[in-house]
Amino acid sequence: MLSLYSQMGMHEKLDSLMQEMEYKGIVFDVFTYNIRLNAYATVSDIEKMEKLLMKMEVDPQVTVNFHTYITAAKGYLKGGASEKASMVLKKAEHLINRHERQYTYGVLITVYATMQEKANVYRIWNLLRKDGKLYNRNYMCMLTSLEKLDDLEGAEKILEEWEEKNIYFDIRIPNLVICAFCKKGRVREAEVILNRLLENGKEPTASTWSRMAFGYYENAQMEKAVEMTKKAIMARFPGWKPDLPTVAACLEYLKKKGDADGIQEMLMLLEKCGNFSVGFKERIEKYVNNKELRPEALEVGTI
């Protein structure tokens, strides 16, 4: 019930239930405290969060754990108190036991990346390296964090390390770096990674091609954007959806070019996706035939 009230933001009910527990002599454990602490952290009520944290630290019945301090750190960050967040993160780090490192180090990396503390991100990563075997989830966590830090050179090195270690192949890992480079307009670096995948006999997915299409579109290389969009649609898998702004830009390019065959081919490929929203086909055909309709009009519907 405490967790439910917390998730629903019903803090008055949360307080009332905890008061009832006290009245009935039900001793709070660390889970009870953490739920209330998280509720305070969620709304950035730092004053109440700190009072509760102090109460937990002196309660002989409670052993404060890693999750307690991580919750407090997130509350401090949300409230703009980064120095206090760093302080409790150090406390959290001291509470990590050997069996929790695979998960907890990843949490620390993510929080430090949010704080833009690059040195601490690499410090924890190196501790994780020394600790033993690295898994794909560790690399995904690190690559996502390096993108937050805008450290794409570092992300490229981590990707190369992953490739060298010959860990079980997961296309999502190179896709993360390809996407990061494309977002920054650095399509050439993304091309190098894509070509390396192809040379090593790896099969890019629809998501890979779609990310490249977006990169070319952002760099006004529309011929390549059209080519990649077609490849993305042809490589589609259940649940995958085309990126509408990129599709719209490709159709706009083909329309200005007067390439009726190209437009028809794109429409036929899109139709094969089989998961159009209601009215999307009509809107896209109207767009193709109406010079006044802007590409943004296509973004209203979703595929």
Protein backbone atom coordinates (compact mmCIF):
# COMPACT_ATOMS: atom_id res chain seq x y z
CA MET A 1 0.00 0.00 0.00
CA LEU A 2 2.85 2.40 0.78
CA SER A 3 4.42 1.73 -2.60
CA LEU A 4 1.09 2.18 -4.37
CA TYR A 5 0.39 5.53 -2.68
CA SER A 6 3.93 6.66 -3.47
CA GLN A 7 3.64 5.77 -7.16
CA MET A 8 0.29 7.56 -7.38
CA GLY A 9 1.68 10.68 -5.69
CA MET A 10 -0.85 10.38 -2.85
CA HIS A 11 1.54 11.57 -0.15
CA GLU A 12 -1.17 12.41 2.38
CA LYS A 13 -2.34 8.80 2.24
CA LEU A 14 1.28 7.70 2.53
CA ASP A 15 1.80 9.78 5.68
CA SER A 16 -1.52 8.61 7.15
CA LEU A 17 -0.62 4.96 6.65
CA MET A 18 2.82 5.39 8.21
CA GLN A 19 1.22 7.13 11.21
CA GLU A 20 -1.16 4.19 11.54
CA MET A 21 1.79 1.81 11.49
CA GLU A 22 3.47 3.78 14.30
CA TYR A 23 0.23 3.82 16.32
CA LYS A 24 -0.09 0.04 16.00
CA GLY A 25 3.54 -0.54 16.92
CA ILE A 26 4.59 -1.79 13.49
CA VAL A 27 8.34 -1.17 13.31
CA PHE A 28 9.61 0.53 10.15
CA ASP A 29 12.18 -1.43 8.19
CA VAL A 30 14.55 -0.11 5.53
CA PHE A 31 12.01 -0.83 2.77
CA THR A 32 9.34 1.27 4.49
CA TYR A 33 11.77 4.14 4.98
CA ASN A 34 13.04 3.91 1.39
CA ILE A 35 9.52 4.19 -0.01
CA ARG A 36 8.92 7.39 1.97
CA LEU A 37 12.37 8.70 1.11
CA ASN A 38 11.71 8.12 -2.58
CA ALA A 39 8.42 10.02 -2.34
CA TYR A 40 10.24 13.03 -0.89
CA ALA A 41 12.99 12.74 -3.51
CA THR A 42 10.47 12.58 -6.35
CA VAL A 43 9.01 15.98 -5.44
CA SER A 44 12.42 17.43 -4.46
CA ASP A 45 11.37 18.03 -0.85
CA ILE A 46 14.99 18.13 0.30
CA GLU A 47 14.27 19.32 3.83
CA LYS A 48 11.95 16.42 4.65
CA MET A 49 14.17 13.98 2.77
CA GLU A 50 17.18 14.99 4.87
CA LYS A 51 15.26 14.70 8.14
CA LEU A 52 14.10 11.21 7.21
CA LEU A 53 17.59 10.20 6.11
CA MET A 54 19.04 11.34 9.44
CA LYS A 55 16.33 9.37 11.27
CA MET A 56 17.22 6.26 9.28
CA GLU A 57 20.94 6.62 9.98
CA VAL A 58 20.42 6.70 13.76
CA ASP A 59 17.69 4.04 13.90
CA PRO A 60 19.28 0.89 15.43
CA GLN A 61 16.61 -1.28 13.77
CA VAL A 62 17.55 -0.13 10.27
CA THR A 63 20.60 -0.80 8.15
CA VAL A 64 20.83 1.95 5.56
CA ASN A 65 21.74 0.45 2.17
CA PHE A 66 23.06 1.46 -1.23
CA HIS A 67 19.57 2.15 -2.58
CA THR A 68 18.85 4.61 0.23
CA TYR A 69 21.74 6.87 -0.71
CA ILE A 70 21.11 6.53 -4.45
CA THR A 71 17.52 7.66 -3.87
CA ALA A 72 18.78 10.61 -1.81
CA ALA A 73 21.31 11.50 -4.55
CA LYS A 74 18.58 11.60 -7.18
CA GLY A 75 16.47 13.78 -4.88
CA TYR A 76 19.37 16.20 -4.39
CA LEU A 77 20.02 16.31 -8.13
CA LYS A 78 16.40 17.04 -8.88
CA GLY A 79 16.54 19.84 -6.31
CA GLY A 80 19.75 21.27 -7.78
CA ALA A 81 21.98 20.31 -4.83
CA SER A 82 24.78 18.59 -6.76
CA GLU A 83 27.40 18.84 -3.98
CA LYS A 84 25.13 17.01 -1.54
CA ALA A 85 24.39 14.45 -4.26
CA SER A 86 28.12 13.76 -4.62
CA MET A 87 28.43 13.34 -0.86
CA VAL A 88 25.72 10.68 -0.58
CA LEU A 89 26.99 8.93 -3.71
CA LYS A 90 30.30 8.40 -1.94
CA LYS A 91 28.38 6.88 0.97
CA ALA A 92 26.49 4.65 -1.46
CA GLU A 93 29.74 3.46 -3.04
CA HIS A 94 31.16 2.39 0.34
CA LEU A 95 28.12 0.16 0.92
CA ILE A 96 28.52 -1.90 -2.26
CA ASN A 97 29.28 -5.54 -1.59
CA ARG A 98 30.97 -7.92 -3.99
CA HIS A 99 27.77 -9.63 -5.09
CA GLU A 100 26.05 -6.37 -6.03
CA ARG A 101 28.78 -4.75 -8.12
CA GLN A 102 27.51 -5.75 -11.56
CA TYR A 103 24.26 -3.85 -10.95
CA THR A 104 25.30 -1.10 -8.55
CA TYR A 105 28.31 0.10 -10.53
CA GLY A 106 25.99 0.59 -13.50
CA VAL A 107 23.67 2.72 -11.37
CA LEU A 108 26.61 4.84 -10.20
CA ILE A 109 27.85 5.31 -13.78
CA THR A 110 24.41 6.47 -14.86
CA VAL A 111 24.00 8.94 -11.98
CA TYR A 112 27.50 10.37 -12.40
CA ALA A 113 26.82 10.84 -16.12
CA THR A 114 23.64 12.74 -15.26
CA MET A 115 25.79 14.95 -13.01
CA GLN A 116 28.28 15.44 -15.88
CA GLU A 117 31.08 14.01 -13.72
CA LYS A 118 33.13 12.37 -16.44
CA ALA A 119 36.07 11.46 -14.20
CA ASN A 120 33.83 9.50 -11.84
CA VAL A 121 32.10 7.74 -14.74
CA TYR A 122 35.47 6.41 -15.94
CA ARG A 123 36.62 5.67 -12.40
CA ILE A 124 33.62 3.43 -11.72
CA TRP A 125 33.96 1.85 -15.18
CA ASN A 126 37.55 0.93 -14.44
CA LEU A 127 36.50 -0.59 -11.10
CA LEU A 128 33.94 -2.66 -12.98
CA ARG A 129 36.61 -3.76 -15.45
CA LYS A 130 38.90 -4.90 -12.64
CA ASP A 131 36.07 -6.73 -10.94
CA GLY A 132 35.76 -9.38 -13.60
CA LYS A 133 33.78 -10.22 -16.70
CA LEU A 134 31.90 -7.43 -18.47
CA TYR A 135 28.53 -8.11 -20.08
CA ASN A 136 26.64 -6.42 -22.90
CA ARG A 137 24.44 -4.60 -20.39
CA ASN A 138 27.57 -3.02 -18.87
CA TYR A 139 28.69 -1.73 -22.26
CA MET A 140 25.24 -0.40 -23.07
CA CYS A 141 25.16 1.46 -19.77
CA MET A 142 28.61 2.96 -20.36
CA LEU A 143 27.91 3.97 -23.96
CA THR A 144 24.63 5.64 -23.01
CA SER A 145 26.41 7.51 -20.24
CA LEU A 146 29.22 8.68 -22.53
CA GLU A 147 26.65 10.02 -24.97
CA LYS A 148 25.16 12.07 -22.10
CA LEU A 149 28.67 13.43 -21.50
CA ASP A 150 29.09 14.18 -25.21
CA ASP A 151 32.21 12.01 -25.15
CA LEU A 152 31.78 10.29 -28.50
CA GLU A 153 35.50 9.60 -28.89
CA GLY A 154 35.33 7.72 -25.59
CA ALA A 155 32.23 5.88 -26.77
CA GLU A 156 34.03 4.83 -29.95
CA LYS A 157 36.92 3.41 -27.89
CA ILE A 158 34.53 1.50 -25.63
CA LEU A 159 32.82 0.08 -28.72
CA GLU A 160 36.18 -1.05 -30.12
CA GLU A 161 36.99 -2.67 -26.78
CA TRP A 162 33.67 -4.54 -26.89
CA GLU A 163 34.42 -5.72 -30.43
CA GLU A 164 37.90 -6.94 -29.45
CA LYS A 165 36.63 -8.89 -26.46
CA ASN A 166 34.34 -10.83 -28.82
CA ILE A 167 31.43 -10.71 -26.40
CA TYR A 168 28.11 -12.16 -27.58
CA PHE A 169 27.06 -9.93 -30.49
CA ASP A 170 24.21 -7.49 -29.84
CA ILE A 171 23.40 -5.03 -32.63
CA ARG A 172 22.01 -2.56 -30.08
CA ILE A 173 25.55 -1.77 -28.91
CA PRO A 174 26.97 -0.49 -32.23
CA ASN A 175 23.56 1.09 -32.91
CA LEU A 176 23.98 3.25 -29.80
CA VAL A 177 27.23 4.70 -31.12
CA ILE A 178 25.95 5.05 -34.69
CA CYS A 179 22.93 6.94 -33.39
CA ALA A 180 25.08 9.18 -31.17
CA PHE A 181 27.31 10.17 -34.09
CA CYS A 182 24.33 10.76 -36.39
CA LYS A 183 22.65 13.02 -33.83
CA LYS A 184 25.77 15.17 -33.80
CA GLY A 185 25.95 15.28 -37.57
CA ARG A 186 29.09 13.15 -37.64
CA VAL A 187 27.88 10.74 -40.30
CA ARG A 188 31.35 9.79 -41.51
CA GLU A 189 32.20 8.26 -38.13
CA ALA A 190 28.87 6.42 -38.18
CA GLU A 191 29.68 5.12 -41.68
CA VAL A 192 32.98 3.69 -40.43
CA ILE A 193 31.14 1.67 -37.76
CA LEU A 194 28.49 0.52 -40.23
CA ASN A 195 31.12 -0.57 -42.77
CA ARG A 196 33.00 -2.45 -40.04
CA LEU A 197 29.81 -4.33 -39.20
CA LEU A 198 29.30 -5.29 -42.84
CA GLU A 199 32.95 -6.33 -43.29
CA ASN A 200 32.65 -8.59 -40.23
CA GLY A 201 29.57 -10.28 -41.67
CA LYS A 202 27.15 -8.71 -39.19
CA GLU A 203 23.64 -7.95 -40.35
CA PRO A 204 22.40 -4.42 -39.63
CA THR A 205 18.77 -4.15 -38.56
CA ALA A 206 16.04 -1.75 -39.60
CA SER A 207 17.03 0.40 -36.63
CA THR A 208 20.62 0.64 -37.90
CA TRP A 209 19.56 1.79 -41.36
CA SER A 210 16.98 4.16 -39.88
CA ARG A 211 19.62 5.82 -37.70
CA MET A 212 21.85 6.29 -40.74
CA ALA A 213 18.92 7.71 -42.71
CA PHE A 214 18.32 10.26 -39.96
CA GLY A 215 22.00 11.22 -39.99
CA TYR A 216 22.03 11.77 -43.75
CA TYR A 217 18.78 13.73 -43.56
CA GLU A 218 20.24 16.01 -40.86
CA ASN A 219 23.30 16.54 -43.09
CA ALA A 220 21.19 17.27 -46.19
CA GLN A 221 22.53 14.18 -47.96
CA MET A 222 19.08 13.24 -49.19
CA GLU A 223 20.04 10.66 -51.82
CA LYS A 224 21.67 8.59 -49.10
CA ALA A 225 18.80 9.32 -46.71
CA VAL A 226 16.34 7.88 -49.23
CA GLU A 227 18.55 4.83 -49.81
CA MET A 228 18.91 4.15 -46.07
CA THR A 229 15.17 4.67 -45.45
CA LYS A 230 14.34 2.07 -48.10
CA LYS A 231 16.81 -0.38 -46.57
CA ALA A 232 15.31 0.25 -43.14
CA ILE A 233 11.78 -0.50 -44.34
CA MET A 234 12.91 -3.63 -46.19
CA ALA A 235 14.72 -4.87 -43.06
CA ARG A 236 11.71 -4.16 -40.83
CA PHE A 237 10.86 -6.49 -37.96
CA PRO A 238 7.71 -6.85 -35.81
CA GLY A 239 7.23 -3.78 -33.65
CA TRP A 240 9.63 -1.58 -35.63
CA LYS A 241 8.29 1.77 -36.87
CA PRO A 242 9.72 4.12 -39.51
CA ASP A 243 10.88 7.56 -38.38
CA LEU A 244 8.17 9.87 -39.74
CA PRO A 245 10.16 13.11 -39.97
CA THR A 246 12.85 11.33 -42.00
CA VAL A 247 10.25 9.63 -44.21
CA ALA A 248 8.54 13.00 -44.75
CA ALA A 249 11.85 14.64 -45.68
CA CYS A 250 12.61 11.85 -48.15
CA LEU A 251 9.23 12.23 -49.82
CA GLU A 252 9.69 16.00 -49.96
CA TYR A 253 13.06 15.51 -51.62
CA LEU A 254 11.68 13.04 -54.16
CA LYS A 255 8.74 15.35 -54.85
CA LYS A 256 10.98 18.38 -55.53
CA LYS A 257 13.16 16.16 -57.70
CA GLY A 258 10.11 15.10 -59.71
CA ASP A 259 10.85 11.44 -59.04
CA ALA A 260 7.35 9.95 -59.25
CA ASP A 261 8.71 6.40 -59.42
CA GLY A 262 10.75 6.97 -56.28
CA ILE A 263 7.70 8.28 -54.44
CA GLN A 264 5.62 5.31 -55.56
CA GLU A 265 8.32 2.87 -54.46
CA MET A 266 8.54 4.54 -51.04
CA LEU A 267 4.75 4.41 -50.62
CA MET A 268 4.65 0.75 -51.58
CA LEU A 269 7.38 -0.08 -49.10
CA LEU A 270 5.62 1.87 -46.36
CA GLU A 271 2.37 0.06 -47.07
CA LYS A 272 4.12 -3.27 -46.55
CA CYS A 273 4.88 -2.25 -42.97
CA GLY A 274 1.26 -3.10 -42.31
CA ASN A 275 0.86 -1.03 -39.15
CA PHE A 276 -0.36 2.35 -40.35
CA SER A 277 -2.35 4.51 -37.99
CA VAL A 278 -5.88 5.42 -39.03
CA GLY A 279 -5.80 7.88 -41.92
CA PHE A 280 -2.02 7.90 -42.30
CA LYS A 281 -2.07 6.58 -45.85
CA GLU A 282 -4.56 9.27 -46.84
CA ARG A 283 -2.43 11.99 -45.24
CA ILE A 284 0.76 10.82 -46.91
CA GLU A 285 -0.93 10.60 -50.33
CA LYS A 286 -2.43 14.05 -49.80
CA TYR A 287 1.04 15.30 -48.95
CA VAL A 288 2.50 13.87 -52.14
CA ASN A 289 -0.22 15.49 -54.26
CA ASN A 290 -0.47 18.83 -52.42
CA LYS A 291 2.31 21.37 -52.83
CA GLU A 292 1.00 23.44 -49.93
CA LEU A 293 1.13 20.64 -47.36
CA ARG A 294 4.25 20.73 -45.17
CA PRO A 295 6.22 17.62 -44.09
CA GLU A 296 5.29 18.35 -40.46
CA ALA A 297 1.71 17.39 -41.29
CA LEU A 298 2.80 13.77 -41.53
CA GLU A 299 4.08 13.78 -37.96
CA VAL A 300 0.56 14.02 -36.56
CA GLY A 301 -0.04 10.37 -37.33
CA THR A 302 2.16 7.55 -36.10
CA ILE A 303 3.08 4.34 -37.79
